[in-house]
Amino acid sequence: MDIDDVVKRSAKLLADITKQVAVVKYPKFGDAPNREMMAISGTANLARSGEDLGSTLSPILEALEEQVVLLRLLSDAHPTVHVTIGSEQVDSNLQTTSLVTVGYGADPSMGSLGVLGPTRMDYAGSISAVSAVARYVGRFIAESPK
């Protein structure tokens, strides 16, 4: 299994566990070094929490399509879990959401992952899931040949 497979499976697992949108930023090794890649899973989960997001679902989906926005949000990797709620979001399209992120690996700026959902999300569950998946992905990358 290569890093792309692990990251995609991890994003899906994180989205399934938290019922939120999962985003994983990771480095591309090999042919395209120093290139940041991204895996997104669970976008449909936003529709299921529609009443919590009100009429702001369309701008949120637009922000998710703009991977530049997501890369910027995940680029400030923290070695510990970081929670951004509502108006603390940098992007105005995401101000009805919360983002739970953490960096992973020996150097937390190498990659990061998180979940995006309504401000009424299960923070305890999201924080636990994000932490566990980050440990798994970080361990896999550390043990993988570059």
Foldseek 3Di string as FASTA:
>chain_A
DDLVVLQQVLQAVLCVQFLFKKKKWAADDDPDGPDIDMHIDNLVSQVVVDVLCDPLNVLVVVCVVPVVNVCVVWQPAAQAKDKQAAPSRPDPSQNQKMKIKHAAAPDRNRMMMIGIYGNPGPVVSRRVSRVVSRDVSRVVVVPDDD
